[in-house]
Amino acid sequence: MTEKSPNDLVRIHIWVTGRVQGVGFRAFVLQAGNMLGLTGWVHNLGYDQVETLAEGPHQVVERFLELVKTGPRPAHVDAARVEWETPTGEFNRFYVK
C-alpha cells in the first residue's frame, strides 16, 4: 500500500481466525466500528472465522485493525489476513451482516 495521510479514506478487508465464536467477537468489532465512526460490516464465516470490512480515515482504520487483531478478552486471534482495497463509499453505517 502506498503511503497515506492520516485523513485519506481507505478500505480494509479482514479475515480473523481463532477463538472468535461464542466470545462476543462480532459484537466487539461492531462496537469498535461504531465507536470509531467507520462504515462497513462484520459477520461470521464459520466456527473459527470472522470477516469484516471497514471504510474511514486511514489513521482510524489502522486503529480498528489493531482492535480487531486483539479482540475481546475471552477471544484468541490466531491469524488475521488483511487486504487494503479502494474505498467505495457504499455504506452509511457499520453493521452485522
PDB file of N, CA and C in Angstrom:
ATOM      1  N   MET A   1       0.847  -1.178   0.000  1.00  0.00           N
ATOM      2  CA  MET A   1       0.000   0.000   0.000  1.00  0.00           C
ATOM      3  C   MET A   1       0.888   1.235   0.000  1.00  0.00           C
ATOM      4  N   THR A   2       0.499   2.215  -0.782  1.00  0.00           N
ATOM      5  CA  THR A   2       1.280   3.439  -0.827  1.00  0.00           C
ATOM      6  C   THR A   2       1.055   4.238   0.447  1.00  0.00           C
ATOM      7  N   GLU A   3       1.967   5.147   0.690  1.00  0.00           N
ATOM      8  CA  GLU A   3       1.899   5.986   1.897  1.00  0.00           C
ATOM      9  C   GLU A   3       0.623   6.828   1.868  1.00  0.00           C
ATOM     10  N   LYS A   4      -0.121   6.807   2.956  1.00  0.00           N
ATOM     11  CA  LYS A   4      -1.377   7.555   3.060  1.00  0.00           C
ATOM     12  C   LYS A   4      -1.258   8.609   4.137  1.00  0.00           C
ATOM     13  N   SER A   5      -1.958   9.723   3.932  1.00  0.00           N
ATOM     14  CA  SER A   5      -2.028  10.713   5.004  1.00  0.00           C
ATOM     15  C   SER A   5      -3.077  10.216   5.999  1.00  0.00           C
ATOM     16  N   PRO A   6      -3.040  10.671   7.245  1.00  0.00           N
ATOM     17  CA  PRO A   6      -3.954  10.161   8.275  1.00  0.00           C
ATOM     18  C   PRO A   6      -5.431  10.311   7.935  1.00  0.00           C
ATOM     19  N   ASN A   7      -5.789  11.291   7.102  1.00  0.00           N
ATOM     20  CA  ASN A   7      -7.198  11.536   6.804  1.00  0.00           C
ATOM     21  C   ASN A   7      -7.658  10.984   5.462  1.00  0.00           C
ATOM     22  N   ASP A   8      -6.761  10.376   4.674  1.00  0.00           N
ATOM     23  CA  ASP A   8      -7.169   9.765   3.411  1.00  0.00           C
ATOM     24  C   ASP A   8      -8.150   8.637   3.703  1.00  0.00           C
ATOM     25  N   LEU A   9      -9.220   8.547   2.932  1.00  0.00           N
ATOM     26  CA  LEU A   9     -10.180   7.461   3.107  1.00  0.00           C
ATOM     27  C   LEU A   9      -9.597   6.177   2.549  1.00  0.00           C
ATOM     28  N   VAL A  10      -9.737   5.103   3.328  1.00  0.00           N
ATOM     29  CA  VAL A  10      -9.241   3.791   2.930  1.00  0.00           C
ATOM     30  C   VAL A  10     -10.310   2.746   3.235  1.00  0.00           C
ATOM     31  N   ARG A  11     -10.097   1.562   2.683  1.00  0.00           N
ATOM     32  CA  ARG A  11     -10.999   0.423   2.909  1.00  0.00           C
ATOM     33  C   ARG A  11     -10.132  -0.768   3.277  1.00  0.00           C
ATOM     34  N   ILE A  12     -10.531  -1.471   4.323  1.00  0.00           N
ATOM     35  CA  ILE A  12      -9.784  -2.643   4.771  1.00  0.00           C
ATOM     36  C   ILE A  12     -10.730  -3.836   4.862  1.00  0.00           C
ATOM     37  N   HIS A  13     -10.238  -4.977   4.430  1.00  0.00           N
ATOM     38  CA  HIS A  13     -10.986  -6.233   4.475  1.00  0.00           C
ATOM     39  C   HIS A  13     -10.156  -7.184   5.335  1.00  0.00           C
ATOM     40  N   ILE A  14     -10.751  -7.705   6.404  1.00  0.00           N
ATOM     41  CA  ILE A  14     -10.006  -8.513   7.373  1.00  0.00           C
ATOM     42  C   ILE A  14     -10.726  -9.833   7.604  1.00  0.00           C
ATOM     43  N   TRP A  15      -9.967 -10.926   7.573  1.00  0.00           N
ATOM     44  CA  TRP A  15     -10.467 -12.245   7.939  1.00  0.00           C
ATOM     45  C   TRP A  15      -9.672 -12.688   9.160  1.00  0.00           C
ATOM     46  N   VAL A  16     -10.376 -12.945  10.258  1.00  0.00           N
ATOM     47  CA  VAL A  16      -9.736 -13.311  11.518  1.00  0.00           C
ATOM     48  C   VAL A  16     -10.091 -14.754  11.832  1.00  0.00           C
ATOM     49  N   THR A  17      -9.079 -15.553  12.209  1.00  0.00           N
ATOM     50  CA  THR A  17      -9.326 -16.927  12.630  1.00  0.00           C
ATOM     51  C   THR A  17      -8.804 -17.115  14.044  1.00  0.00           C
ATOM     52  N   GLY A  18      -9.405 -18.063  14.733  1.00  0.00           N
ATOM     53  CA  GLY A  18      -9.021 -18.370  16.107  1.00  0.00           C
ATOM     54  C   GLY A  18     -10.264 -18.626  16.943  1.00  0.00           C
ATOM     55  N   ARG A  19     -10.169 -18.348  18.228  1.00  0.00           N
ATOM     56  CA  ARG A  19     -11.325 -18.496  19.115  1.00  0.00           C
ATOM     57  C   ARG A  19     -12.123 -17.194  19.023  1.00  0.00           C
ATOM     58  N   VAL A  20     -12.969 -17.124  17.994  1.00  0.00           N
ATOM     59  CA  VAL A  20     -13.703 -15.901  17.713  1.00  0.00           C
ATOM     60  C   VAL A  20     -15.220 -16.133  17.661  1.00  0.00           C
ATOM     61  N   GLN A  21     -15.668 -17.312  18.044  1.00  0.00           N
ATOM     62  CA  GLN A  21     -17.097 -17.613  18.095  1.00  0.00           C
ATOM     63  C   GLN A  21     -17.496 -17.855  19.540  1.00  0.00           C
ATOM     64  N   GLY A  22     -18.650 -17.327  19.924  1.00  0.00           N
ATOM     65  CA  GLY A  22     -19.156 -17.538  21.278  1.00  0.00           C
ATOM     66  C   GLY A  22     -18.413 -16.745  22.338  1.00  0.00           C
ATOM     67  N   VAL A  23     -17.640 -15.747  21.916  1.00  0.00           N
ATOM     68  CA  VAL A  23     -16.863 -14.948  22.868  1.00  0.00           C
ATOM     69  C   VAL A  23     -17.153 -13.456  22.715  1.00  0.00           C
ATOM     70  N   GLY A  24     -18.192 -13.107  21.948  1.00  0.00           N
ATOM     71  CA  GLY A  24     -18.546 -11.705  21.761  1.00  0.00           C
ATOM     72  C   GLY A  24     -17.674 -10.980  20.756  1.00  0.00           C
ATOM     73  N   PHE A  25     -17.016 -11.726  19.871  1.00  0.00           N
ATOM     74  CA  PHE A  25     -16.090 -11.101  18.926  1.00  0.00           C
ATOM     75  C   PHE A  25     -16.818 -10.189  17.949  1.00  0.00           C
ATOM     76  N   ARG A  26     -17.910 -10.699  17.360  1.00  0.00           N
ATOM     77  CA  ARG A  26     -18.667  -9.888  16.403  1.00  0.00           C
ATOM     78  C   ARG A  26     -19.190  -8.610  17.045  1.00  0.00           C
ATOM     79  N   ALA A  27     -19.742  -8.728  18.256  1.00  0.00           N
ATOM     80  CA  ALA A  27     -20.245  -7.550  18.984  1.00  0.00           C
ATOM     81  C   ALA A  27     -19.101  -6.574  19.283  1.00  0.00           C
ATOM     82  N   PHE A  28     -17.930  -7.106  19.614  1.00  0.00           N
ATOM     83  CA  PHE A  28     -16.753  -6.268  19.873  1.00  0.00           C
ATOM     84  C   PHE A  28     -16.365  -5.476  18.626  1.00  0.00           C
ATOM     85  N   VAL A  29     -16.335  -6.152  17.473  1.00  0.00           N
ATOM     86  CA  VAL A  29     -15.968  -5.491  16.218  1.00  0.00           C
ATOM     87  C   VAL A  29     -17.027  -4.455  15.841  1.00  0.00           C
ATOM     88  N   LEU A  30     -18.303  -4.804  16.028  1.00  0.00           N
ATOM     89  CA  LEU A  30     -19.391  -3.858  15.759  1.00  0.00           C
ATOM     90  C   LEU A  30     -19.239  -2.606  16.619  1.00  0.00           C
ATOM     91  N   GLN A  31     -18.984  -2.797  17.888  1.00  0.00           N
ATOM     92  CA  GLN A  31     -18.811  -1.666  18.800  1.00  0.00           C
ATOM     93  C   GLN A  31     -17.598  -0.829  18.395  1.00  0.00           C
ATOM     94  N   ALA A  32     -16.495  -1.483  18.038  1.00  0.00           N
ATOM     95  CA  ALA A  32     -15.286  -0.763  17.626  1.00  0.00           C
ATOM     96  C   ALA A  32     -15.551   0.054  16.369  1.00  0.00           C
ATOM     97  N   GLY A  33     -16.194  -0.537  15.378  1.00  0.00           N
ATOM     98  CA  GLY A  33     -16.501   0.171  14.144  1.00  0.00           C
ATOM     99  C   GLY A  33     -17.374   1.386  14.397  1.00  0.00           C
ATOM    100  N   ASN A  34     -18.394   1.217  15.227  1.00  0.00           N
ATOM    101  CA  ASN A  34     -19.290   2.334  15.543  1.00  0.00           C
ATOM    102  C   ASN A  34     -18.599   3.391  16.394  1.00  0.00           C
ATOM    103  N   MET A  35     -17.823   2.971  17.378  1.00  0.00           N
ATOM    104  CA  MET A  35     -17.119   3.897  18.251  1.00  0.00           C
ATOM    105  C   MET A  35     -16.142   4.769  17.444  1.00  0.00           C
ATOM    106  N   LEU A  36     -15.518   4.170  16.436  1.00  0.00           N
ATOM    107  CA  LEU A  36     -14.533   4.885  15.627  1.00  0.00           C
ATOM    108  C   LEU A  36     -15.166   5.652  14.462  1.00  0.00           C
ATOM    109  N   GLY A  37     -16.471   5.509  14.295  1.00  0.00           N
ATOM    110  CA  GLY A  37     -17.165   6.235  13.242  1.00  0.00           C
ATOM    111  C   GLY A  37     -16.932   5.682  11.846  1.00  0.00           C
ATOM    112  N   LEU A  38     -16.632   4.383  11.755  1.00  0.00           N
ATOM    113  CA  LEU A  38     -16.381   3.758  10.463  1.00  0.00           C
ATOM    114  C   LEU A  38     -17.682   3.269   9.838  1.00  0.00           C
ATOM    115  N   THR A  39     -17.632   2.941   8.562  1.00  0.00           N
ATOM    116  CA  THR A  39     -18.750   2.283   7.893  1.00  0.00           C
ATOM    117  C   THR A  39     -18.262   0.925   7.415  1.00  0.00           C
ATOM    118  N   GLY A  40     -19.206  -0.012   7.272  1.00  0.00           N
ATOM    119  CA  GLY A  40     -18.849  -1.353   6.820  1.00  0.00           C
ATOM    120  C   GLY A  40     -19.674  -2.398   7.539  1.00  0.00           C
ATOM    121  N   TRP A  41     -19.106  -3.589   7.686  1.00  0.00           N
ATOM    122  CA  TRP A  41     -19.843  -4.695   8.294  1.00  0.00           C
ATOM    123  C   TRP A  41     -18.909  -5.735   8.913  1.00  0.00           C
ATOM    124  N   VAL A  42     -19.531  -6.630   9.670  1.00  0.00           N
ATOM    125  CA  VAL A  42     -18.838  -7.775  10.261  1.00  0.00           C
ATOM    126  C   VAL A  42     -19.790  -8.962  10.201  1.00  0.00           C
ATOM    127  N   HIS A  43     -19.242 -10.167   9.959  1.00  0.00           N
ATOM    128  CA  HIS A  43     -20.077 -11.365  10.029  1.00  0.00           C
ATOM    129  C   HIS A  43     -19.234 -12.612  10.247  1.00  0.00           C
ATOM    130  N   ASN A  44     -19.916 -13.653  10.738  1.00  0.00           N
ATOM    131  CA  ASN A  44     -19.270 -14.939  10.978  1.00  0.00           C
ATOM    132  C   ASN A  44     -19.152 -15.702   9.669  1.00  0.00           C
ATOM    133  N   LEU A  45     -18.020 -16.383   9.478  1.00  0.00           N
ATOM    134  CA  LEU A  45     -17.829 -17.229   8.305  1.00  0.00           C
ATOM    135  C   LEU A  45     -17.937 -18.700   8.652  1.00  0.00           C
ATOM    136  N   GLY A  46     -17.550 -19.057   9.824  1.00  0.00           N
ATOM    137  CA  GLY A  46     -17.567 -20.452  10.239  1.00  0.00           C
ATOM    138  C   GLY A  46     -17.318 -20.484  11.725  1.00  0.00           C
ATOM    139  N   TYR A  47     -17.092 -21.667  12.241  1.00  0.00           N
ATOM    140  CA  TYR A  47     -16.963 -21.754  13.701  1.00  0.00           C
ATOM    141  C   TYR A  47     -15.713 -21.072  14.237  1.00  0.00           C
ATOM    142  N   ASP A  48     -14.727 -20.809  13.373  1.00  0.00           N
ATOM    143  CA  ASP A  48     -13.488 -20.189  13.866  1.00  0.00           C
ATOM    144  C   ASP A  48     -13.034 -19.002  13.033  1.00  0.00           C
ATOM    145  N   GLN A  49     -13.955 -18.385  12.267  1.00  0.00           N
ATOM    146  CA  GLN A  49     -13.535 -17.275  11.417  1.00  0.00           C
ATOM    147  C   GLN A  49     -14.604 -16.190  11.358  1.00  0.00           C
ATOM    148  N   VAL A  50     -14.130 -14.938  11.421  1.00  0.00           N
ATOM    149  CA  VAL A  50     -14.977 -13.747  11.298  1.00  0.00           C
ATOM    150  C   VAL A  50     -14.382 -12.885  10.202  1.00  0.00           C
ATOM    151  N   GLU A  51     -15.262 -12.303   9.381  1.00  0.00           N
ATOM    152  CA  GLU A  51     -14.848 -11.415   8.301  1.00  0.00           C
ATOM    153  C   GLU A  51     -15.400 -10.024   8.577  1.00  0.00           C
ATOM    154  N   THR A  52     -14.605  -9.007   8.321  1.00  0.00           N
ATOM    155  CA  THR A  52     -15.069  -7.633   8.486  1.00  0.00           C
ATOM    156  C   THR A  52     -14.490  -6.763   7.383  1.00  0.00           C
ATOM    157  N   LEU A  53     -15.250  -5.747   7.027  1.00  0.00           N
ATOM    158  CA  LEU A  53     -14.841  -4.789   6.022  1.00  0.00           C
ATOM    159  C   LEU A  53     -15.182  -3.409   6.562  1.00  0.00           C
ATOM    160  N   ALA A  54     -14.244  -2.473   6.474  1.00  0.00           N
ATOM    161  CA  ALA A  54     -14.480  -1.143   7.034  1.00  0.00           C
ATOM    162  C   ALA A  54     -13.871  -0.073   6.152  1.00  0.00           C
ATOM    163  N   GLU A  55     -14.519   1.091   6.159  1.00  0.00           N
ATOM    164  CA  GLU A  55     -14.020   2.260   5.448  1.00  0.00           C
ATOM    165  C   GLU A  55     -13.986   3.445   6.396  1.00  0.00           C
ATOM    166  N   GLY A  56     -12.982   4.296   6.207  1.00  0.00           N
ATOM    167  CA  GLY A  56     -12.868   5.502   7.006  1.00  0.00           C
ATOM    168  C   GLY A  56     -11.496   6.115   6.818  1.00  0.00           C
ATOM    169  N   PRO A  57     -11.178   7.130   7.613  1.00  0.00           N
ATOM    170  CA  PRO A  57      -9.856   7.758   7.535  1.00  0.00           C
ATOM    171  C   PRO A  57      -8.751   6.752   7.866  1.00  0.00           C
ATOM    172  N   HIS A  58      -7.648   6.838   7.139  1.00  0.00           N
ATOM    173  CA  HIS A  58      -6.560   5.871   7.277  1.00  0.00           C
ATOM    174  C   HIS A  58      -6.129   5.644   8.730  1.00  0.00           C
ATOM    175  N   GLN A  59      -5.902   6.710   9.456  1.00  0.00           N
ATOM    176  CA  GLN A  59      -5.430   6.588  10.841  1.00  0.00           C
ATOM    177  C   GLN A  59      -6.456   5.851  11.707  1.00  0.00           C
ATOM    178  N   VAL A  60      -7.723   6.110  11.486  1.00  0.00           N
ATOM    179  CA  VAL A  60      -8.793   5.470  12.263  1.00  0.00           C
ATOM    180  C   VAL A  60      -8.906   3.991  11.887  1.00  0.00           C
ATOM    181  N   VAL A  61      -8.789   3.686  10.607  1.00  0.00           N
ATOM    182  CA  VAL A  61      -8.857   2.294  10.153  1.00  0.00           C
ATOM    183  C   VAL A  61      -7.676   1.492  10.696  1.00  0.00           C
ATOM    184  N   GLU A  62      -6.501   2.119  10.793  1.00  0.00           N
ATOM    185  CA  GLU A  62      -5.339   1.443  11.395  1.00  0.00           C
ATOM    186  C   GLU A  62      -5.638   1.072  12.854  1.00  0.00           C
ATOM    187  N   ARG A  63      -6.276   1.962  13.587  1.00  0.00           N
ATOM    188  CA  ARG A  63      -6.660   1.690  14.979  1.00  0.00           C
ATOM    189  C   ARG A  63      -7.666   0.544  15.033  1.00  0.00           C
ATOM    190  N   PHE A  64      -8.631   0.550  14.110  1.00  0.00           N
ATOM    191  CA  PHE A  64      -9.625  -0.519  14.017  1.00  0.00           C
ATOM    192  C   PHE A  64      -8.936  -1.864  13.785  1.00  0.00           C
ATOM    193  N   LEU A  65      -7.962  -1.891  12.891  1.00  0.00           N
ATOM    194  CA  LEU A  65      -7.215  -3.121  12.609  1.00  0.00           C
ATOM    195  C   LEU A  65      -6.563  -3.660  13.874  1.00  0.00           C
ATOM    196  N   GLU A  66      -5.939  -2.791  14.649  1.00  0.00           N
ATOM    197  CA  GLU A  66      -5.301  -3.238  15.889  1.00  0.00           C
ATOM    198  C   GLU A  66      -6.330  -3.806  16.874  1.00  0.00           C
ATOM    199  N   LEU A  67      -7.480  -3.171  16.965  1.00  0.00           N
ATOM    200  CA  LEU A  67      -8.535  -3.677  17.855  1.00  0.00           C
ATOM    201  C   LEU A  67      -9.028  -5.041  17.392  1.00  0.00           C
ATOM    202  N   VAL A  68      -9.243  -5.193  16.091  1.00  0.00           N
ATOM    203  CA  VAL A  68      -9.724  -6.469  15.550  1.00  0.00           C
ATOM    204  C   VAL A  68      -8.691  -7.568  15.787  1.00  0.00           C
ATOM    205  N   LYS A  69      -7.421  -7.260  15.620  1.00  0.00           N
ATOM    206  CA  LYS A  69      -6.372  -8.259  15.850  1.00  0.00           C
ATOM    207  C   LYS A  69      -6.302  -8.684  17.314  1.00  0.00           C
ATOM    208  N   THR A  70      -6.747  -7.824  18.222  1.00  0.00           N
ATOM    209  CA  THR A  70      -6.732  -8.125  19.653  1.00  0.00           C
ATOM    210  C   THR A  70      -8.003  -8.830  20.081  1.00  0.00           C
ATOM    211  N   GLY A  71      -9.158  -8.285  19.680  1.00  0.00           N
ATOM    212  CA  GLY A  71     -10.447  -8.864  20.048  1.00  0.00           C
ATOM    213  C   GLY A  71     -10.775  -8.655  21.511  1.00  0.00           C
ATOM    214  N   PRO A  72     -11.947  -9.130  21.930  1.00  0.00           N
ATOM    215  CA  PRO A  72     -12.325  -9.018  23.333  1.00  0.00           C
ATOM    216  C   PRO A  72     -11.514  -9.984  24.191  1.00  0.00           C
ATOM    217  N   ARG A  73     -11.529  -9.773  25.491  1.00  0.00           N
ATOM    218  CA  ARG A  73     -10.710 -10.566  26.410  1.00  0.00           C
ATOM    219  C   ARG A  73     -10.858 -12.089  26.242  1.00  0.00           C
ATOM    220  N   PRO A  74     -12.069 -12.661  26.120  1.00  0.00           N
ATOM    221  CA  PRO A  74     -12.157 -14.124  26.019  1.00  0.00           C
ATOM    222  C   PRO A  74     -11.731 -14.689  24.661  1.00  0.00           C
ATOM    223  N   ALA A  75     -11.544 -13.837  23.669  1.00  0.00           N
ATOM    224  CA  ALA A  75     -11.172 -14.307  22.332  1.00  0.00           C
ATOM    225  C   ALA A  75      -9.673 -14.554  22.240  1.00  0.00           C
ATOM    226  N   HIS A  76      -9.305 -15.310  21.219  1.00  0.00           N
ATOM    227  CA  HIS A  76      -7.889 -15.501  20.902  1.00  0.00           C
ATOM    228  C   HIS A  76      -7.749 -15.507  19.387  1.00  0.00           C
ATOM    229  N   VAL A  77      -7.066 -14.502  18.849  1.00  0.00           N
ATOM    230  CA  VAL A  77      -6.868 -14.395  17.411  1.00  0.00           C
ATOM    231  C   VAL A  77      -5.595 -15.144  17.040  1.00  0.00           C
ATOM    232  N   ASP A  78      -5.746 -16.177  16.203  1.00  0.00           N
ATOM    233  CA  ASP A  78      -4.586 -16.931  15.728  1.00  0.00           C
ATOM    234  C   ASP A  78      -3.957 -16.276  14.509  1.00  0.00           C
ATOM    235  N   ALA A  79      -4.802 -15.725  13.629  1.00  0.00           N
ATOM    236  CA  ALA A  79      -4.290 -15.107  12.401  1.00  0.00           C
ATOM    237  C   ALA A  79      -5.282 -14.070  11.900  1.00  0.00           C
ATOM    238  N   ALA A  80      -4.753 -13.070  11.225  1.00  0.00           N
ATOM    239  CA  ALA A  80      -5.587 -12.055  10.590  1.00  0.00           C
ATOM    240  C   ALA A  80      -5.038 -11.809   9.188  1.00  0.00           C
ATOM    241  N   ARG A  81      -5.854 -12.099   8.192  1.00  0.00           N
ATOM    242  CA  ARG A  81      -5.483 -11.812   6.800  1.00  0.00           C
ATOM    243  C   ARG A  81      -6.085 -10.456   6.452  1.00  0.00           C
ATOM    244  N   VAL A  82      -5.269  -9.569   5.922  1.00  0.00           N
ATOM    245  CA  VAL A  82      -5.684  -8.192   5.669  1.00  0.00           C
ATOM    246  C   VAL A  82      -5.473  -7.857   4.199  1.00  0.00           C
ATOM    247  N   GLU A  83      -6.493  -7.253   3.601  1.00  0.00           N
ATOM    248  CA  GLU A  83      -6.375  -6.727   2.241  1.00  0.00           C
ATOM    249  C   GLU A  83      -6.851  -5.278   2.249  1.00  0.00           C
ATOM    250  N   TRP A  84      -6.011  -4.399   1.727  1.00  0.00           N
ATOM    251  CA  TRP A  84      -6.382  -2.998   1.563  1.00  0.00           C
ATOM    252  C   TRP A  84      -7.024  -2.866   0.197  1.00  0.00           C
ATOM    253  N   GLU A  85      -8.193  -2.239   0.153  1.00  0.00           N
ATOM    254  CA  GLU A  85      -8.947  -2.107  -1.085  1.00  0.00           C
ATOM    255  C   GLU A  85      -9.276  -0.631  -1.331  1.00  0.00           C
ATOM    256  N   THR A  86      -9.799  -0.342  -2.500  1.00  0.00           N
ATOM    257  CA  THR A  86     -10.211   1.012  -2.838  1.00  0.00           C
ATOM    258  C   THR A  86     -11.554   1.309  -2.176  1.00  0.00           C
ATOM    259  N   PRO A  87     -11.666   2.406  -1.428  1.00  0.00           N
ATOM    260  CA  PRO A  87     -12.945   2.724  -0.791  1.00  0.00           C
ATOM    261  C   PRO A  87     -14.014   3.031  -1.831  1.00  0.00           C
ATOM    262  N   THR A  88     -15.248   2.618  -1.533  1.00  0.00           N
ATOM    263  CA  THR A  88     -16.357   2.821  -2.466  1.00  0.00           C
ATOM    264  C   THR A  88     -17.403   3.790  -1.918  1.00  0.00           C
ATOM    265  N   GLY A  89     -17.433   3.978  -0.603  1.00  0.00           N
ATOM    266  CA  GLY A  89     -18.438   4.845  -0.002  1.00  0.00           C
ATOM    267  C   GLY A  89     -19.835   4.270  -0.038  1.00  0.00           C
ATOM    268  N   GLU A  90     -19.939   2.953  -0.239  1.00  0.00           N
ATOM    269  CA  GLU A  90     -21.255   2.325  -0.394  1.00  0.00           C
ATOM    270  C   GLU A  90     -22.025   2.139   0.915  1.00  0.00           C
ATOM    271  N   PHE A  91     -21.366   2.267   2.047  1.00  0.00           N
ATOM    272  CA  PHE A  91     -22.028   2.036   3.339  1.00  0.00           C
ATOM    273  C   PHE A  91     -22.328   3.357   4.040  1.00  0.00           C
ATOM    274  N   ASN A  92     -23.400   3.369   4.817  1.00  0.00           N
ATOM    275  CA  ASN A  92     -23.713   4.575   5.590  1.00  0.00           C
ATOM    276  C   ASN A  92     -23.640   4.333   7.083  1.00  0.00           C
ATOM    277  N   ARG A  93     -23.273   3.106   7.479  1.00  0.00           N
ATOM    278  CA  ARG A  93     -23.131   2.761   8.902  1.00  0.00           C
ATOM    279  C   ARG A  93     -22.278   1.496   9.003  1.00  0.00           C
ATOM    280  N   PHE A  94     -21.996   1.095  10.232  1.00  0.00           N
ATOM    281  CA  PHE A  94     -21.281  -0.154  10.490  1.00  0.00           C
ATOM    282  C   PHE A  94     -22.288  -1.120  11.099  1.00  0.00           C
ATOM    283  N   TYR A  95     -22.407  -2.320  10.554  1.00  0.00           N
ATOM    284  CA  TYR A  95     -23.478  -3.236  10.981  1.00  0.00           C
ATOM    285  C   TYR A  95     -23.025  -4.695  10.945  1.00  0.00           C
ATOM    286  N   VAL A  96     -23.834  -5.562  11.561  1.00  0.00           N
ATOM    287  CA  VAL A  96     -23.637  -7.006  11.485  1.00  0.00           C
ATOM    288  C   VAL A  96     -24.352  -7.486  10.240  1.00  0.00           C
ATOM    289  N   LYS A  97     -23.631  -8.165   9.396  1.00  0.00           N
ATOM    290  CA  LYS A  97     -24.173  -8.649   8.126  1.00  0.00           C
ATOM    291  C   LYS A  97     -24.844  -9.997   8.311  1.00  0.00           C
TER     292      LYS A  97
END
